[in-house]
Amino acid sequence: MPFAFAVSIFMLAFAGLAYSLFPYLIIDEVTIWDAASATSSLVFVLWGVVITLPAILGYTVFAYRVFWGKTRELSYE
């Protein structure tokens, strides 16, 4: 429970910082939209994520199912 509280405090502090700085990435200099790449580049990256992320998730599920229950309790007898 203390770990969960510590993580939640950290996340709330980070969210508060992000909210207070929005939309600037560098205070009063660069906004999110100034720092973003060209739309065509972002679309290219989006298609890369659309193709790659399901493959990674699928392989992770596959590997998890293959090795499910293959270990036993460690003993020092």
Protein backbone atom coordinates (compact mmCIF):
# COMPACT_ATOMS: atom_id res chain seq x y z
CA MET A 1 0.00 0.00 0.00
CA PRO A 2 2.77 2.54 0.72
CA PHE A 3 4.25 1.89 -2.73
CA ALA A 4 0.88 2.59 -4.36
CA PHE A 5 0.61 5.84 -2.42
CA ALA A 6 4.12 6.88 -3.44
CA VAL A 7 3.41 6.13 -7.11
CA SER A 8 0.12 8.04 -6.98
CA ILE A 9 1.79 11.07 -5.38
CA PHE A 10 4.48 11.02 -8.08
CA MET A 11 1.89 10.73 -10.86
CA LEU A 12 -0.22 13.54 -9.42
CA ALA A 13 2.83 15.78 -9.10
CA PHE A 14 3.82 15.05 -12.70
CA ALA A 15 0.28 15.69 -13.93
CA GLY A 16 0.20 18.99 -12.04
CA LEU A 17 3.49 20.06 -13.57
CA ALA A 18 2.31 19.13 -17.07
CA TYR A 19 -0.97 20.98 -16.52
CA SER A 20 0.78 24.10 -15.29
CA LEU A 21 3.19 24.22 -18.24
CA PHE A 22 0.69 23.37 -21.01
CA PRO A 23 1.09 24.12 -23.95
CA TYR A 24 4.77 25.05 -23.51
CA LEU A 25 7.62 22.53 -23.68
CA ILE A 26 10.19 25.23 -22.97
CA ILE A 27 8.66 27.88 -20.74
CA ASP A 28 7.38 30.83 -22.82
CA GLU A 29 9.45 29.73 -25.85
CA VAL A 30 8.39 26.53 -27.62
CA THR A 31 4.85 25.18 -27.69
CA ILE A 32 3.79 21.60 -28.41
CA TRP A 33 2.71 22.59 -31.90
CA ASP A 34 6.02 24.34 -32.66
CA ALA A 35 7.98 21.28 -31.56
CA ALA A 36 5.86 18.77 -33.50
CA SER A 37 7.12 17.29 -36.72
CA ALA A 38 5.47 17.69 -40.11
CA THR A 39 2.08 16.03 -40.50
CA SER A 40 3.34 13.59 -43.13
CA SER A 41 6.13 12.42 -40.79
CA LEU A 42 3.67 11.92 -37.95
CA VAL A 43 1.37 9.89 -40.21
CA PHE A 44 4.32 7.71 -41.25
CA VAL A 45 5.19 7.06 -37.60
CA LEU A 46 1.54 6.34 -36.82
CA TRP A 47 1.42 3.62 -39.50
CA GLY A 48 4.65 2.16 -38.14
CA VAL A 49 3.10 1.96 -34.67
CA VAL A 50 -0.15 0.50 -36.04
CA ILE A 51 1.82 -2.32 -37.67
CA THR A 52 4.51 -2.90 -35.06
CA LEU A 53 2.64 -2.61 -31.75
CA PRO A 54 0.15 -5.45 -32.40
CA ALA A 55 3.04 -7.68 -33.50
CA ILE A 56 4.92 -6.98 -30.27
CA LEU A 57 1.82 -7.51 -28.13
CA GLY A 58 0.94 -10.70 -30.00
CA TYR A 59 4.41 -12.15 -29.55
CA THR A 60 4.40 -11.22 -25.87
CA VAL A 61 1.08 -13.01 -25.34
CA PHE A 62 2.35 -16.00 -27.31
CA ALA A 63 5.57 -16.24 -25.26
CA TYR A 64 3.62 -15.82 -22.02
CA ARG A 65 1.27 -18.66 -22.96
CA VAL A 66 4.12 -20.95 -24.05
CA PHE A 67 5.98 -20.57 -20.76
CA TRP A 68 2.91 -20.49 -18.49
CA GLY A 69 3.32 -23.00 -15.67
CA LYS A 70 6.74 -24.27 -16.80
CA THR A 71 8.50 -23.29 -13.58
CA ARG A 72 8.29 -24.72 -10.11
CA GLU A 73 8.95 -23.41 -6.64
CA LEU A 74 12.63 -22.88 -5.86
CA SER A 75 13.94 -25.12 -3.09
CA TYR A 76 17.35 -25.52 -1.50
CA GLU A 77 17.16 -29.12 -0.37
